[in-house]
Amino acid sequence: MPACKATVDFSGVFPVFRIPSASLPLNCKLLSPPTGVKIAAVSFSVTSGGAASPAITSSDGASFTIPALPAGTKGMLAVAVTGNFGDGFVQVAEDCTNPTPFLAISDLNEKASLVHVEVG
């Protein structure tokens, strides 16, 4: 498994998932999801940097790939899941050795969450 390339900055009001542009495309996955929990949708909305918002899909329900984007791109990555995770939560992380989760889905009604992304 490859070494992790992205970082998560928890110092601000909201976490920021920082990805070096040379590390894109970047594979991401659900971290040990409960049985039956799968990715329903992934959305990346570019907020600045001039790039178009890419379409992202999950072909296996457990992972997705953030495509190549130019340095300076900022946006919001949203992930929604289906299935029951009870009183727990579902985490999303880079698919790498010793991944740091960059997103947690804990709302049983919405079953979705988002994170700020910066491409450096």
N, C-alpha and C. Protein backbone atom coordinates (compact mmCIF):
# COMPACT_ATOMS: atom_id res chain seq x y z
N MET A 1 0.85 -1.17 0.00
CA MET A 1 0.00 0.00 0.00
C MET A 1 0.90 1.24 0.00
N PRO A 2 0.52 2.28 -0.74
CA PRO A 2 1.37 3.48 -0.83
C PRO A 2 1.35 4.31 0.45
N ALA A 3 2.38 5.14 0.59
CA ALA A 3 2.44 6.08 1.72
C ALA A 3 1.38 7.16 1.51
N CYS A 4 0.91 7.72 2.59
CA CYS A 4 -0.08 8.80 2.51
C CYS A 4 0.56 10.06 1.94
N LYS A 5 -0.21 10.79 1.14
CA LYS A 5 0.28 11.99 0.49
C LYS A 5 -0.44 13.25 0.96
N ALA A 6 -1.69 13.12 1.35
CA ALA A 6 -2.48 14.26 1.78
C ALA A 6 -2.37 14.44 3.30
N THR A 7 -2.74 15.62 3.76
CA THR A 7 -2.73 15.90 5.20
C THR A 7 -4.07 16.50 5.60
N VAL A 8 -4.35 16.44 6.88
CA VAL A 8 -5.56 17.06 7.42
C VAL A 8 -5.14 18.09 8.44
N ASP A 9 -5.60 19.32 8.26
CA ASP A 9 -5.28 20.41 9.18
C ASP A 9 -6.50 20.64 10.08
N PHE A 10 -6.35 20.30 11.36
CA PHE A 10 -7.44 20.44 12.32
C PHE A 10 -7.32 21.74 13.15
N SER A 11 -6.42 22.65 12.77
CA SER A 11 -6.15 23.83 13.60
C SER A 11 -7.22 24.91 13.51
N GLY A 12 -7.98 24.94 12.45
CA GLY A 12 -8.99 25.99 12.27
C GLY A 12 -10.35 25.59 12.80
N VAL A 13 -11.34 26.40 12.50
CA VAL A 13 -12.71 26.13 12.91
C VAL A 13 -13.21 24.84 12.27
N PHE A 14 -12.86 24.64 10.99
CA PHE A 14 -13.24 23.44 10.26
C PHE A 14 -11.97 22.76 9.77
N PRO A 15 -11.96 21.43 9.74
CA PRO A 15 -10.78 20.74 9.20
C PRO A 15 -10.61 21.05 7.71
N VAL A 16 -9.35 21.03 7.26
CA VAL A 16 -9.04 21.24 5.85
C VAL A 16 -8.22 20.04 5.37
N PHE A 17 -8.67 19.42 4.30
CA PHE A 17 -7.98 18.29 3.69
C PHE A 17 -7.08 18.87 2.60
N ARG A 18 -5.76 18.78 2.79
CA ARG A 18 -4.80 19.36 1.85
C ARG A 18 -4.14 18.27 1.02
N ILE A 19 -4.21 18.46 -0.29
CA ILE A 19 -3.68 17.47 -1.23
C ILE A 19 -2.66 18.15 -2.15
N PRO A 20 -1.42 17.66 -2.20
CA PRO A 20 -0.47 18.20 -3.19
C PRO A 20 -0.98 17.88 -4.60
N SER A 21 -0.93 18.87 -5.50
CA SER A 21 -1.47 18.63 -6.85
C SER A 21 -0.75 17.49 -7.55
N ALA A 22 0.53 17.29 -7.25
CA ALA A 22 1.28 16.18 -7.86
C ALA A 22 0.80 14.82 -7.38
N SER A 23 0.04 14.78 -6.29
CA SER A 23 -0.46 13.52 -5.73
C SER A 23 -1.82 13.12 -6.29
N LEU A 24 -2.38 13.97 -7.14
CA LEU A 24 -3.68 13.66 -7.74
C LEU A 24 -3.48 12.90 -9.04
N PRO A 25 -4.35 11.99 -9.40
CA PRO A 25 -5.56 11.59 -8.69
C PRO A 25 -5.24 10.88 -7.37
N LEU A 26 -6.18 11.00 -6.40
CA LEU A 26 -5.99 10.46 -5.06
C LEU A 26 -7.13 9.50 -4.73
N ASN A 27 -6.78 8.26 -4.37
CA ASN A 27 -7.79 7.27 -4.01
C ASN A 27 -8.17 7.43 -2.55
N CYS A 28 -9.48 7.39 -2.29
CA CYS A 28 -10.02 7.52 -0.94
C CYS A 28 -10.98 6.36 -0.69
N LYS A 29 -11.22 6.04 0.60
CA LYS A 29 -12.07 4.89 0.91
C LYS A 29 -12.78 5.08 2.24
N LEU A 30 -13.83 4.28 2.45
CA LEU A 30 -14.45 4.19 3.76
C LEU A 30 -13.50 3.39 4.64
N LEU A 31 -13.32 3.82 5.87
CA LEU A 31 -12.44 3.12 6.81
C LEU A 31 -13.26 2.17 7.66
N SER A 32 -13.08 0.89 7.47
CA SER A 32 -13.76 -0.15 8.26
C SER A 32 -15.25 0.15 8.45
N PRO A 33 -15.99 0.30 7.36
CA PRO A 33 -17.41 0.62 7.51
C PRO A 33 -18.19 -0.57 8.07
N PRO A 34 -19.27 -0.30 8.81
CA PRO A 34 -20.13 -1.39 9.26
C PRO A 34 -20.71 -2.15 8.06
N THR A 35 -21.03 -3.40 8.26
CA THR A 35 -21.61 -4.23 7.20
C THR A 35 -22.84 -3.54 6.61
N GLY A 36 -22.90 -3.47 5.31
CA GLY A 36 -24.04 -2.89 4.62
C GLY A 36 -23.94 -1.40 4.34
N VAL A 37 -22.93 -0.72 4.89
CA VAL A 37 -22.76 0.71 4.63
C VAL A 37 -21.94 0.88 3.36
N LYS A 38 -22.48 1.67 2.43
CA LYS A 38 -21.82 1.89 1.15
C LYS A 38 -21.93 3.37 0.77
N ILE A 39 -21.02 3.79 -0.08
CA ILE A 39 -21.05 5.16 -0.60
C ILE A 39 -22.22 5.28 -1.57
N ALA A 40 -23.08 6.27 -1.32
CA ALA A 40 -24.22 6.52 -2.20
C ALA A 40 -23.91 7.60 -3.22
N ALA A 41 -23.13 8.62 -2.79
CA ALA A 41 -22.81 9.73 -3.69
C ALA A 41 -21.57 10.45 -3.19
N VAL A 42 -20.83 11.02 -4.14
CA VAL A 42 -19.67 11.85 -3.85
C VAL A 42 -19.78 13.10 -4.72
N SER A 43 -19.50 14.25 -4.13
CA SER A 43 -19.57 15.49 -4.88
C SER A 43 -18.40 16.38 -4.50
N PHE A 44 -17.74 16.96 -5.50
CA PHE A 44 -16.68 17.93 -5.25
C PHE A 44 -17.10 19.23 -5.93
N SER A 45 -17.33 20.27 -5.13
CA SER A 45 -17.73 21.57 -5.67
C SER A 45 -16.57 22.53 -5.53
N VAL A 46 -16.03 22.98 -6.64
CA VAL A 46 -14.93 23.93 -6.63
C VAL A 46 -15.47 25.29 -6.21
N THR A 47 -14.80 25.91 -5.21
CA THR A 47 -15.21 27.23 -4.74
C THR A 47 -14.26 28.32 -5.22
N SER A 48 -13.00 27.98 -5.53
CA SER A 48 -12.07 28.95 -6.10
C SER A 48 -10.91 28.21 -6.77
N GLY A 49 -10.21 28.90 -7.64
CA GLY A 49 -9.07 28.31 -8.30
C GLY A 49 -9.24 28.10 -9.78
N GLY A 50 -10.45 28.31 -10.30
CA GLY A 50 -10.64 28.28 -11.73
C GLY A 50 -10.94 26.93 -12.36
N ALA A 51 -10.77 25.84 -11.62
CA ALA A 51 -11.05 24.52 -12.19
C ALA A 51 -12.56 24.27 -12.21
N ALA A 52 -13.00 23.43 -13.12
CA ALA A 52 -14.39 23.02 -13.15
C ALA A 52 -14.62 21.96 -12.07
N SER A 53 -15.81 21.91 -11.52
CA SER A 53 -16.14 20.90 -10.52
C SER A 53 -16.20 19.54 -11.20
N PRO A 54 -15.37 18.58 -10.75
CA PRO A 54 -15.35 17.27 -11.41
C PRO A 54 -16.49 16.37 -10.95
N ALA A 55 -16.88 15.46 -11.81
CA ALA A 55 -17.85 14.42 -11.43
C ALA A 55 -17.06 13.28 -10.80
N ILE A 56 -17.50 12.84 -9.63
CA ILE A 56 -16.83 11.74 -8.92
C ILE A 56 -17.86 10.67 -8.62
N THR A 57 -17.54 9.43 -8.91
CA THR A 57 -18.44 8.33 -8.61
C THR A 57 -17.69 7.23 -7.85
N SER A 58 -18.45 6.36 -7.23
CA SER A 58 -17.88 5.19 -6.56
C SER A 58 -18.39 3.96 -7.28
N SER A 59 -17.50 3.23 -7.92
CA SER A 59 -17.93 2.05 -8.67
C SER A 59 -18.15 0.84 -7.77
N ASP A 60 -17.51 0.82 -6.60
CA ASP A 60 -17.63 -0.35 -5.71
C ASP A 60 -18.38 -0.06 -4.41
N GLY A 61 -18.80 1.19 -4.19
CA GLY A 61 -19.51 1.54 -2.97
C GLY A 61 -18.63 1.69 -1.74
N ALA A 62 -17.32 1.49 -1.91
CA ALA A 62 -16.41 1.58 -0.77
C ALA A 62 -15.28 2.58 -0.99
N SER A 63 -15.10 3.05 -2.23
CA SER A 63 -13.98 3.95 -2.52
C SER A 63 -14.35 4.89 -3.67
N PHE A 64 -13.51 5.91 -3.83
CA PHE A 64 -13.66 6.85 -4.94
C PHE A 64 -12.31 7.51 -5.18
N THR A 65 -12.19 8.20 -6.30
CA THR A 65 -10.94 8.86 -6.67
C THR A 65 -11.19 10.34 -6.92
N ILE A 66 -10.38 11.17 -6.25
CA ILE A 66 -10.40 12.60 -6.53
C ILE A 66 -9.49 12.80 -7.74
N PRO A 67 -10.01 13.34 -8.84
CA PRO A 67 -9.20 13.45 -10.07
C PRO A 67 -8.17 14.58 -9.99
N ALA A 68 -7.33 14.66 -11.00
CA ALA A 68 -6.32 15.71 -11.09
C ALA A 68 -7.00 17.08 -11.13
N LEU A 69 -6.49 17.99 -10.32
CA LEU A 69 -6.97 19.36 -10.26
C LEU A 69 -5.75 20.27 -10.17
N PRO A 70 -5.81 21.48 -10.70
CA PRO A 70 -4.65 22.36 -10.65
C PRO A 70 -4.38 22.88 -9.23
N ALA A 71 -3.10 23.17 -8.96
CA ALA A 71 -2.73 23.77 -7.68
C ALA A 71 -3.51 25.07 -7.51
N GLY A 72 -3.91 25.36 -6.30
CA GLY A 72 -4.70 26.55 -6.01
C GLY A 72 -6.19 26.30 -6.00
N THR A 73 -6.61 25.10 -6.38
CA THR A 73 -8.03 24.76 -6.37
C THR A 73 -8.48 24.57 -4.92
N LYS A 74 -9.61 25.17 -4.58
CA LYS A 74 -10.24 24.98 -3.28
C LYS A 74 -11.68 24.55 -3.53
N GLY A 75 -12.19 23.72 -2.64
CA GLY A 75 -13.56 23.28 -2.82
C GLY A 75 -14.09 22.53 -1.62
N MET A 76 -15.28 21.99 -1.79
CA MET A 76 -15.94 21.21 -0.75
C MET A 76 -16.19 19.80 -1.29
N LEU A 77 -15.73 18.82 -0.52
CA LEU A 77 -15.96 17.42 -0.87
C LEU A 77 -17.05 16.88 0.05
N ALA A 78 -18.11 16.37 -0.54
CA ALA A 78 -19.22 15.81 0.23
C ALA A 78 -19.33 14.32 -0.09
N VAL A 79 -19.56 13.52 0.94
CA VAL A 79 -19.74 12.08 0.77
C VAL A 79 -21.02 11.68 1.50
N ALA A 80 -21.87 10.93 0.83
CA ALA A 80 -23.09 10.41 1.42
C ALA A 80 -23.05 8.89 1.38
N VAL A 81 -23.61 8.25 2.40
CA VAL A 81 -23.63 6.80 2.46
C VAL A 81 -25.05 6.28 2.63
N THR A 82 -25.22 5.00 2.36
CA THR A 82 -26.46 4.30 2.65
C THR A 82 -26.14 3.19 3.64
N GLY A 83 -27.16 2.69 4.28
CA GLY A 83 -26.96 1.60 5.24
C GLY A 83 -27.06 2.11 6.66
N ASN A 84 -27.02 1.19 7.59
CA ASN A 84 -27.20 1.51 9.00
C ASN A 84 -25.87 1.44 9.74
N PHE A 85 -25.49 2.53 10.39
CA PHE A 85 -24.28 2.49 11.20
C PHE A 85 -24.59 2.71 12.68
N GLY A 86 -25.87 2.55 13.04
CA GLY A 86 -26.27 2.57 14.45
C GLY A 86 -25.85 3.82 15.18
N ASP A 87 -25.30 3.64 16.38
CA ASP A 87 -24.88 4.78 17.20
C ASP A 87 -23.47 5.25 16.87
N GLY A 88 -22.84 4.63 15.88
CA GLY A 88 -21.46 4.96 15.55
C GLY A 88 -21.35 6.01 14.47
N PHE A 89 -20.31 5.90 13.69
CA PHE A 89 -20.06 6.83 12.60
C PHE A 89 -19.23 6.11 11.54
N VAL A 90 -19.15 6.73 10.38
CA VAL A 90 -18.39 6.20 9.26
C VAL A 90 -17.30 7.21 8.94
N GLN A 91 -16.08 6.73 8.75
CA GLN A 91 -14.96 7.61 8.44
C GLN A 91 -14.51 7.41 6.99
N VAL A 92 -14.00 8.49 6.40
CA VAL A 92 -13.45 8.46 5.05
C VAL A 92 -11.99 8.90 5.16
N ALA A 93 -11.11 8.20 4.44
CA ALA A 93 -9.68 8.50 4.50
C ALA A 93 -9.04 8.22 3.15
N GLU A 94 -7.83 8.75 2.98
CA GLU A 94 -7.01 8.41 1.83
C GLU A 94 -6.71 6.91 1.88
N ASP A 95 -6.67 6.26 0.74
CA ASP A 95 -6.34 4.83 0.68
C ASP A 95 -4.82 4.69 0.68
N CYS A 96 -4.24 4.57 1.89
CA CYS A 96 -2.79 4.54 2.05
C CYS A 96 -2.43 3.84 3.36
N THR A 97 -1.15 3.69 3.61
CA THR A 97 -0.67 3.12 4.85
C THR A 97 -0.89 4.13 5.97
N ASN A 98 -1.44 3.68 7.10
CA ASN A 98 -1.71 4.55 8.26
C ASN A 98 -2.49 5.81 7.91
N PRO A 99 -3.68 5.67 7.32
CA PRO A 99 -4.44 6.84 6.90
C PRO A 99 -5.01 7.64 8.08
N THR A 100 -5.09 8.95 7.90
CA THR A 100 -5.76 9.83 8.85
C THR A 100 -7.13 10.15 8.28
N PRO A 101 -8.20 9.82 9.00
CA PRO A 101 -9.54 10.15 8.48
C PRO A 101 -9.67 11.66 8.27
N PHE A 102 -10.26 12.05 7.14
CA PHE A 102 -10.46 13.46 6.87
C PHE A 102 -11.93 13.85 6.91
N LEU A 103 -12.80 12.87 7.09
CA LEU A 103 -14.23 13.14 7.11
C LEU A 103 -14.91 12.08 7.95
N ALA A 104 -15.87 12.49 8.77
CA ALA A 104 -16.66 11.55 9.57
C ALA A 104 -18.14 11.81 9.32
N ILE A 105 -18.88 10.74 9.08
CA ILE A 105 -20.32 10.83 8.86
C ILE A 105 -20.98 10.24 10.10
N SER A 106 -21.73 11.08 10.83
CA SER A 106 -22.33 10.61 12.08
C SER A 106 -23.82 10.88 12.18
N ASP A 107 -24.37 11.70 11.31
CA ASP A 107 -25.79 12.02 11.35
C ASP A 107 -26.59 10.90 10.72
N LEU A 108 -27.41 10.23 11.53
CA LEU A 108 -28.17 9.08 11.04
C LEU A 108 -29.27 9.46 10.06
N ASN A 109 -29.70 10.72 10.09
CA ASN A 109 -30.74 11.17 9.17
C ASN A 109 -30.15 11.61 7.83
N GLU A 110 -29.14 12.46 7.88
CA GLU A 110 -28.52 12.97 6.65
C GLU A 110 -27.61 11.93 6.00
N LYS A 111 -26.87 11.17 6.81
CA LYS A 111 -25.91 10.17 6.34
C LYS A 111 -24.93 10.76 5.33
N ALA A 112 -24.51 12.01 5.61
CA ALA A 112 -23.58 12.69 4.73
C ALA A 112 -22.76 13.68 5.54
N SER A 113 -21.62 14.05 4.99
CA SER A 113 -20.77 15.07 5.61
C SER A 113 -19.90 15.67 4.53
N LEU A 114 -19.26 16.81 4.86
CA LEU A 114 -18.38 17.44 3.89
C LEU A 114 -17.15 17.98 4.58
N VAL A 115 -16.13 18.23 3.75
CA VAL A 115 -14.85 18.73 4.23
C VAL A 115 -14.30 19.74 3.22
N HIS A 116 -13.62 20.76 3.74
CA HIS A 116 -12.93 21.73 2.90
C HIS A 116 -11.69 21.04 2.30
N VAL A 117 -11.44 21.27 1.02
CA VAL A 117 -10.28 20.69 0.34
C VAL A 117 -9.46 21.81 -0.29
N GLU A 118 -8.14 21.72 -0.13
CA GLU A 118 -7.23 22.65 -0.79
C GLU A 118 -6.18 21.84 -1.54
N VAL A 119 -6.01 22.15 -2.82
CA VAL A 119 -5.01 21.48 -3.64
C VAL A 119 -3.80 22.42 -3.70
N GLY A 120 -2.64 21.91 -3.27
CA GLY A 120 -1.43 22.75 -3.21
C GLY A 120 -0.47 22.46 -4.31
